[in-house]
């Protein structure tokens, strides 16, 4: 299983579905297993959770930075 691919897949799903994003914040393991359709080992799930959280944080920071740039044009 390619962890990076799974992270990308989950980030896409969570980003376009606010309900899924809210559920991910409360129960990330359930969301990962729901999106992947696989019951994964705990160590793999934790890596995916960390990757998804990091990617979502980077995406949010990028959006804020873009908004700030737009204010100063």
PDB file of N, CA and C in Angstrom:
ATOM      1  N   UNK A   1       0.843  -1.181   0.000  1.00  0.00           N
ATOM      2  CA  UNK A   1       0.000   0.000   0.000  1.00  0.00           C
ATOM      3  C   UNK A   1       0.886   1.241   0.000  1.00  0.00           C
ATOM      4  N   UNK A   2       0.589   2.154  -0.885  1.00  0.00           N
ATOM      5  CA  UNK A   2       1.319   3.412  -0.979  1.00  0.00           C
ATOM      6  C   UNK A   2       0.670   4.422  -0.024  1.00  0.00           C
ATOM      7  N   UNK A   3       1.373   4.736   1.055  1.00  0.00           N
ATOM      8  CA  UNK A   3       0.815   5.628   2.069  1.00  0.00           C
ATOM      9  C   UNK A   3       0.584   7.023   1.497  1.00  0.00           C
ATOM     10  N   UNK A   4       1.517   7.521   0.697  1.00  0.00           N
ATOM     11  CA  UNK A   4       1.358   8.858   0.109  1.00  0.00           C
ATOM     12  C   UNK A   4       0.104   8.924  -0.759  1.00  0.00           C
ATOM     13  N   UNK A   5      -0.142   7.874  -1.514  1.00  0.00           N
ATOM     14  CA  UNK A   5      -1.327   7.818  -2.369  1.00  0.00           C
ATOM     15  C   UNK A   5      -2.602   7.843  -1.521  1.00  0.00           C
ATOM     16  N   UNK A   6      -2.594   7.094  -0.421  1.00  0.00           N
ATOM     17  CA  UNK A   6      -3.759   7.054   0.465  1.00  0.00           C
ATOM     18  C   UNK A   6      -3.982   8.411   1.123  1.00  0.00           C
ATOM     19  N   UNK A   7      -2.892   9.074   1.535  1.00  0.00           N
ATOM     20  CA  UNK A   7      -3.007  10.407   2.130  1.00  0.00           C
ATOM     21  C   UNK A   7      -3.645  11.360   1.127  1.00  0.00           C
ATOM     22  N   UNK A   8      -3.162  11.325  -0.103  1.00  0.00           N
ATOM     23  CA  UNK A   8      -3.705  12.195  -1.147  1.00  0.00           C
ATOM     24  C   UNK A   8      -5.193  11.928  -1.354  1.00  0.00           C
ATOM     25  N   UNK A   9      -5.568  10.663  -1.416  1.00  0.00           N
ATOM     26  CA  UNK A   9      -6.964  10.271  -1.627  1.00  0.00           C
ATOM     27  C   UNK A   9      -7.846  10.779  -0.479  1.00  0.00           C
ATOM     28  N   UNK A  10      -7.379  10.620   0.743  1.00  0.00           N
ATOM     29  CA  UNK A  10      -8.165  11.025   1.903  1.00  0.00           C
ATOM     30  C   UNK A  10      -8.271  12.547   1.977  1.00  0.00           C
ATOM     31  N   UNK A  11      -7.170  13.246   1.692  1.00  0.00           N
ATOM     32  CA  UNK A  11      -7.201  14.710   1.705  1.00  0.00           C
ATOM     33  C   UNK A  11      -8.213  15.225   0.687  1.00  0.00           C
ATOM     34  N   UNK A  12      -8.236  14.630  -0.493  1.00  0.00           N
ATOM     35  CA  UNK A  12      -9.211  15.041  -1.512  1.00  0.00           C
ATOM     36  C   UNK A  12     -10.639  14.854  -1.013  1.00  0.00           C
ATOM     37  N   UNK A  13     -10.914  13.699  -0.445  1.00  0.00           N
ATOM     38  CA  UNK A  13     -12.265  13.403   0.034  1.00  0.00           C
ATOM     39  C   UNK A  13     -12.662  14.328   1.173  1.00  0.00           C
ATOM     40  N   UNK A  14     -11.757  14.509   2.129  1.00  0.00           N
ATOM     41  CA  UNK A  14     -12.048  15.341   3.295  1.00  0.00           C
ATOM     42  C   UNK A  14     -12.198  16.809   2.889  1.00  0.00           C
ATOM     43  N   UNK A  15     -11.399  17.253   1.940  1.00  0.00           N
ATOM     44  CA  UNK A  15     -11.438  18.654   1.509  1.00  0.00           C
ATOM     45  C   UNK A  15     -12.740  19.021   0.809  1.00  0.00           C
ATOM     46  N   UNK A  16     -13.314  18.079   0.084  1.00  0.00           N
ATOM     47  CA  UNK A  16     -14.532  18.406  -0.661  1.00  0.00           C
ATOM     48  C   UNK A  16     -15.817  18.061   0.092  1.00  0.00           C
ATOM     49  N   UNK A  17     -15.695  17.472   1.281  1.00  0.00           N
ATOM     50  CA  UNK A  17     -16.874  17.076   2.036  1.00  0.00           C
ATOM     51  C   UNK A  17     -16.754  17.593   3.480  1.00  0.00           C
ATOM     52  N   UNK A  18     -17.420  18.706   3.802  1.00  0.00           N
ATOM     53  CA  UNK A  18     -17.314  19.281   5.155  1.00  0.00           C
ATOM     54  C   UNK A  18     -17.743  18.325   6.273  1.00  0.00           C
ATOM     55  N   UNK A  19     -18.744  17.489   6.005  1.00  0.00           N
ATOM     56  CA  UNK A  19     -19.178  16.533   7.024  1.00  0.00           C
ATOM     57  C   UNK A  19     -18.090  15.508   7.306  1.00  0.00           C
ATOM     58  N   UNK A  20     -17.428  15.058   6.251  1.00  0.00           N
ATOM     59  CA  UNK A  20     -16.341  14.093   6.405  1.00  0.00           C
ATOM     60  C   UNK A  20     -15.159  14.744   7.122  1.00  0.00           C
ATOM     61  N   UNK A  21     -14.911  16.017   6.830  1.00  0.00           N
ATOM     62  CA  UNK A  21     -13.822  16.733   7.499  1.00  0.00           C
ATOM     63  C   UNK A  21     -14.100  16.831   8.995  1.00  0.00           C
ATOM     64  N   UNK A  22     -15.336  17.148   9.337  1.00  0.00           N
ATOM     65  CA  UNK A  22     -15.716  17.228  10.752  1.00  0.00           C
ATOM     66  C   UNK A  22     -15.559  15.871  11.431  1.00  0.00           C
ATOM     67  N   UNK A  23     -15.983  14.824  10.741  1.00  0.00           N
ATOM     68  CA  UNK A  23     -15.851  13.479  11.296  1.00  0.00           C
ATOM     69  C   UNK A  23     -14.378  13.107  11.432  1.00  0.00           C
ATOM     70  N   UNK A  24     -13.539  13.512  10.465  1.00  0.00           N
ATOM     71  CA  UNK A  24     -12.109  13.212  10.540  1.00  0.00           C
ATOM     72  C   UNK A  24     -11.490  13.842  11.786  1.00  0.00           C
ATOM     73  N   UNK A  25     -11.930  15.050  12.117  1.00  0.00           N
ATOM     74  CA  UNK A  25     -11.404  15.736  13.297  1.00  0.00           C
ATOM     75  C   UNK A  25     -11.768  14.990  14.578  1.00  0.00           C
ATOM     76  N   UNK A  26     -12.919  14.319  14.586  1.00  0.00           N
ATOM     77  CA  UNK A  26     -13.377  13.597  15.772  1.00  0.00           C
ATOM     78  C   UNK A  26     -12.910  12.144  15.784  1.00  0.00           C
ATOM     79  N   UNK A  27     -13.000  11.488  14.630  1.00  0.00           N
ATOM     80  CA  UNK A  27     -12.701  10.055  14.531  1.00  0.00           C
ATOM     81  C   UNK A  27     -11.884   9.766  13.271  1.00  0.00           C
ATOM     82  N   UNK A  28     -10.609  10.155  13.266  1.00  0.00           N
ATOM     83  CA  UNK A  28      -9.816   9.997  12.046  1.00  0.00           C
ATOM     84  C   UNK A  28      -9.665   8.551  11.576  1.00  0.00           C
ATOM     85  N   UNK A  29      -9.569   7.622  12.494  1.00  0.00           N
ATOM     86  CA  UNK A  29      -9.400   6.212  12.105  1.00  0.00           C
ATOM     87  C   UNK A  29     -10.605   5.725  11.319  1.00  0.00           C
ATOM     88  N   UNK A  30     -11.803   6.056  11.784  1.00  0.00           N
ATOM     89  CA  UNK A  30     -13.023   5.624  11.087  1.00  0.00           C
ATOM     90  C   UNK A  30     -13.090   6.220   9.682  1.00  0.00           C
ATOM     91  N   UNK A  31     -12.711   7.494   9.547  1.00  0.00           N
ATOM     92  CA  UNK A  31     -12.752   8.139   8.232  1.00  0.00           C
ATOM     93  C   UNK A  31     -11.758   7.480   7.289  1.00  0.00           C
ATOM     94  N   UNK A  32     -10.566   7.211   7.777  1.00  0.00           N
ATOM     95  CA  UNK A  32      -9.545   6.575   6.936  1.00  0.00           C
ATOM     96  C   UNK A  32     -10.014   5.211   6.472  1.00  0.00           C
ATOM     97  N   UNK A  33     -10.547   4.424   7.379  1.00  0.00           N
ATOM     98  CA  UNK A  33     -11.019   3.091   7.006  1.00  0.00           C
ATOM     99  C   UNK A  33     -12.226   3.175   6.071  1.00  0.00           C
ATOM    100  N   UNK A  34     -13.061   4.202   6.254  1.00  0.00           N
ATOM    101  CA  UNK A  34     -14.223   4.388   5.381  1.00  0.00           C
ATOM    102  C   UNK A  34     -13.775   4.752   3.968  1.00  0.00           C
ATOM    103  N   UNK A  35     -12.846   5.689   3.851  1.00  0.00           N
ATOM    104  CA  UNK A  35     -12.399   6.152   2.536  1.00  0.00           C
ATOM    105  C   UNK A  35     -11.574   5.090   1.822  1.00  0.00           C
ATOM    106  N   UNK A  36     -10.680   4.414   2.552  1.00  0.00           N
ATOM    107  CA  UNK A  36      -9.832   3.401   1.918  1.00  0.00           C
ATOM    108  C   UNK A  36     -10.560   2.082   1.726  1.00  0.00           C
ATOM    109  N   UNK A  37     -11.565   1.833   2.565  1.00  0.00           N
ATOM    110  CA  UNK A  37     -12.285   0.565   2.487  1.00  0.00           C
ATOM    111  C   UNK A  37     -11.506  -0.609   3.042  1.00  0.00           C
ATOM    112  N   UNK A  38     -10.473  -0.294   3.850  1.00  0.00           N
ATOM    113  CA  UNK A  38      -9.599  -1.339   4.378  1.00  0.00           C
ATOM    114  C   UNK A  38      -9.369  -1.103   5.869  1.00  0.00           C
ATOM    115  N   UNK A  39      -9.359  -2.187   6.642  1.00  0.00           N
ATOM    116  CA  UNK A  39      -8.998  -2.117   8.053  1.00  0.00           C
ATOM    117  C   UNK A  39      -7.476  -2.211   8.119  1.00  0.00           C
ATOM    118  N   UNK A  40      -6.834  -1.092   8.395  1.00  0.00           N
ATOM    119  CA  UNK A  40      -5.381  -1.007   8.327  1.00  0.00           C
ATOM    120  C   UNK A  40      -4.738  -1.226   9.696  1.00  0.00           C
ATOM    121  N   UNK A  41      -3.483  -1.685   9.702  1.00  0.00           N
ATOM    122  CA  UNK A  41      -2.750  -1.806  10.970  1.00  0.00           C
ATOM    123  C   UNK A  41      -2.581  -0.431  11.617  1.00  0.00           C
ATOM    124  N   UNK A  42      -2.527  -0.407  12.938  1.00  0.00           N
ATOM    125  CA  UNK A  42      -2.460   0.850  13.679  1.00  0.00           C
ATOM    126  C   UNK A  42      -1.291   1.737  13.258  1.00  0.00           C
ATOM    127  N   UNK A  43      -0.124   1.140  13.015  1.00  0.00           N
ATOM    128  CA  UNK A  43       1.037   1.960  12.653  1.00  0.00           C
ATOM    129  C   UNK A  43       0.836   2.654  11.304  1.00  0.00           C
ATOM    130  N   UNK A  44       0.183   1.993  10.379  1.00  0.00           N
ATOM    131  CA  UNK A  44      -0.102   2.581   9.069  1.00  0.00           C
ATOM    132  C   UNK A  44      -1.153   3.670   9.212  1.00  0.00           C
ATOM    133  N   UNK A  45      -2.181   3.415  10.004  1.00  0.00           N
ATOM    134  CA  UNK A  45      -3.241   4.398  10.213  1.00  0.00           C
ATOM    135  C   UNK A  45      -2.658   5.675  10.822  1.00  0.00           C
ATOM    136  N   UNK A  46      -1.774   5.530  11.789  1.00  0.00           N
ATOM    137  CA  UNK A  46      -1.197   6.704  12.443  1.00  0.00           C
ATOM    138  C   UNK A  46      -0.362   7.526  11.455  1.00  0.00           C
ATOM    139  N   UNK A  47       0.371   6.866  10.580  1.00  0.00           N
ATOM    140  CA  UNK A  47       1.154   7.575   9.566  1.00  0.00           C
ATOM    141  C   UNK A  47       0.223   8.344   8.624  1.00  0.00           C
ATOM    142  N   UNK A  48      -0.873   7.715   8.239  1.00  0.00           N
ATOM    143  CA  UNK A  48      -1.828   8.355   7.337  1.00  0.00           C
ATOM    144  C   UNK A  48      -2.501   9.541   8.039  1.00  0.00           C
ATOM    145  N   UNK A  49      -2.902   9.361   9.285  1.00  0.00           N
ATOM    146  CA  UNK A  49      -3.524  10.459  10.042  1.00  0.00           C
ATOM    147  C   UNK A  49      -2.575  11.647  10.109  1.00  0.00           C
ATOM    148  N   UNK A  50      -1.319  11.394  10.461  1.00  0.00           N
ATOM    149  CA  UNK A  50      -0.335  12.472  10.550  1.00  0.00           C
ATOM    150  C   UNK A  50      -0.155  13.165   9.205  1.00  0.00           C
ATOM    151  N   UNK A  51      -0.099  12.385   8.136  1.00  0.00           N
ATOM    152  CA  UNK A  51       0.069  12.944   6.799  1.00  0.00           C
ATOM    153  C   UNK A  51      -1.119  13.783   6.361  1.00  0.00           C
ATOM    154  N   UNK A  52      -2.320  13.297   6.644  1.00  0.00           N
ATOM    155  CA  UNK A  52      -3.531  14.030   6.267  1.00  0.00           C
ATOM    156  C   UNK A  52      -3.615  15.331   7.057  1.00  0.00           C
ATOM    157  N   UNK A  53      -3.365  15.270   8.358  1.00  0.00           N
ATOM    158  CA  UNK A  53      -3.411  16.482   9.182  1.00  0.00           C
ATOM    159  C   UNK A  53      -2.383  17.499   8.695  1.00  0.00           C
ATOM    160  N   UNK A  54      -1.185  17.037   8.373  1.00  0.00           N
ATOM    161  CA  UNK A  54      -0.139  17.943   7.890  1.00  0.00           C
ATOM    162  C   UNK A  54      -0.548  18.581   6.569  1.00  0.00           C
ATOM    163  N   UNK A  55      -1.074  17.793   5.663  1.00  0.00           N
ATOM    164  CA  UNK A  55      -1.480  18.305   4.352  1.00  0.00           C
ATOM    165  C   UNK A  55      -2.628  19.303   4.484  1.00  0.00           C
ATOM    166  N   UNK A  56      -3.598  18.998   5.325  1.00  0.00           N
ATOM    167  CA  UNK A  56      -4.720  19.912   5.526  1.00  0.00           C
ATOM    168  C   UNK A  56      -4.239  21.226   6.142  1.00  0.00           C
ATOM    169  N   UNK A  57      -3.283  21.152   7.060  1.00  0.00           N
ATOM    170  CA  UNK A  57      -2.730  22.357   7.680  1.00  0.00           C
ATOM    171  C   UNK A  57      -1.989  23.194   6.655  1.00  0.00           C
ATOM    172  N   UNK A  58      -1.168  22.560   5.833  1.00  0.00           N
ATOM    173  CA  UNK A  58      -0.426  23.276   4.794  1.00  0.00           C
ATOM    174  C   UNK A  58      -1.387  23.927   3.809  1.00  0.00           C
ATOM    175  N   UNK A  59      -2.422  23.206   3.410  1.00  0.00           N
ATOM    176  CA  UNK A  59      -3.413  23.752   2.484  1.00  0.00           C
ATOM    177  C   UNK A  59      -4.112  24.971   3.086  1.00  0.00           C
ATOM    178  N   UNK A  60      -4.463  24.896   4.369  1.00  0.00           N
ATOM    179  CA  UNK A  60      -5.138  26.018   5.024  1.00  0.00           C
ATOM    180  C   UNK A  60      -4.210  27.224   5.137  1.00  0.00           C
ATOM    181  N   UNK A  61      -2.951  27.000   5.483  1.00  0.00           N
ATOM    182  CA  UNK A  61      -1.988  28.094   5.580  1.00  0.00           C
ATOM    183  C   UNK A  61      -1.795  28.734   4.211  1.00  0.00           C
ATOM    184  N   UNK A  62      -1.748  27.919   3.178  1.00  0.00           N
ATOM    185  CA  UNK A  62      -1.588  28.427   1.815  1.00  0.00           C
ATOM    186  C   UNK A  62      -2.774  29.307   1.417  1.00  0.00           C
ATOM    187  N   UNK A  63      -3.977  28.884   1.766  1.00  0.00           N
ATOM    188  CA  UNK A  63      -5.176  29.665   1.446  1.00  0.00           C
ATOM    189  C   UNK A  63      -5.165  31.011   2.178  1.00  0.00           C
ATOM    190  N   UNK A  64      -4.735  31.003   3.434  1.00  0.00           N
ATOM    191  CA  UNK A  64      -4.661  32.241   4.207  1.00  0.00           C
ATOM    192  C   UNK A  64      -3.613  33.165   3.601  1.00  0.00           C
ATOM    193  N   UNK A  65      -2.474  32.612   3.239  1.00  0.00           N
ATOM    194  CA  UNK A  65      -1.412  33.421   2.632  1.00  0.00           C
ATOM    195  C   UNK A  65      -1.887  34.030   1.316  1.00  0.00           C
ATOM    196  N   UNK A  66      -2.591  33.255   0.510  1.00  0.00           N
ATOM    197  CA  UNK A  66      -3.118  33.771  -0.756  1.00  0.00           C
ATOM    198  C   UNK A  66      -4.115  34.904  -0.502  1.00  0.00           C
ATOM    199  N   UNK A  67      -4.955  34.736   0.517  1.00  0.00           N
ATOM    200  CA  UNK A  67      -5.936  35.775   0.852  1.00  0.00           C
ATOM    201  C   UNK A  67      -5.227  37.044   1.303  1.00  0.00           C
ATOM    202  N   UNK A  68      -4.187  36.890   2.086  1.00  0.00           N
ATOM    203  CA  UNK A  68      -3.441  38.063   2.557  1.00  0.00           C
ATOM    204  C   UNK A  68      -2.742  38.770   1.392  1.00  0.00           C
ATOM    205  N   UNK A  69      -2.198  38.000   0.467  1.00  0.00           N
ATOM    206  CA  UNK A  69      -1.562  38.608  -0.705  1.00  0.00           C
ATOM    207  C   UNK A  69      -2.580  39.445  -1.478  1.00  0.00           C
ATOM    208  N   UNK A  70      -3.793  38.917  -1.590  1.00  0.00           N
ATOM    209  CA  UNK A  70      -4.846  39.615  -2.323  1.00  0.00           C
ATOM    210  C   UNK A  70      -5.237  40.922  -1.669  1.00  0.00           C
ATOM    211  N   UNK A  71      -5.087  41.012  -0.368  1.00  0.00           N
ATOM    212  CA  UNK A  71      -5.439  42.232   0.350  1.00  0.00           C
ATOM    213  C   UNK A  71      -4.452  43.362   0.073  1.00  0.00           C
ATOM    214  N   UNK A  72      -3.223  43.011  -0.240  1.00  0.00           N
ATOM    215  CA  UNK A  72      -2.167  44.024  -0.417  1.00  0.00           C
ATOM    216  C   UNK A  72      -1.903  44.377  -1.853  1.00  0.00           C
ATOM    217  N   UNK A  73      -2.733  43.936  -2.773  1.00  0.00           N
ATOM    218  CA  UNK A  73      -2.550  44.266  -4.197  1.00  0.00           C
ATOM    219  C   UNK A  73      -3.219  45.556  -4.527  1.00  0.00           C
TER     220      UNK A  73
END
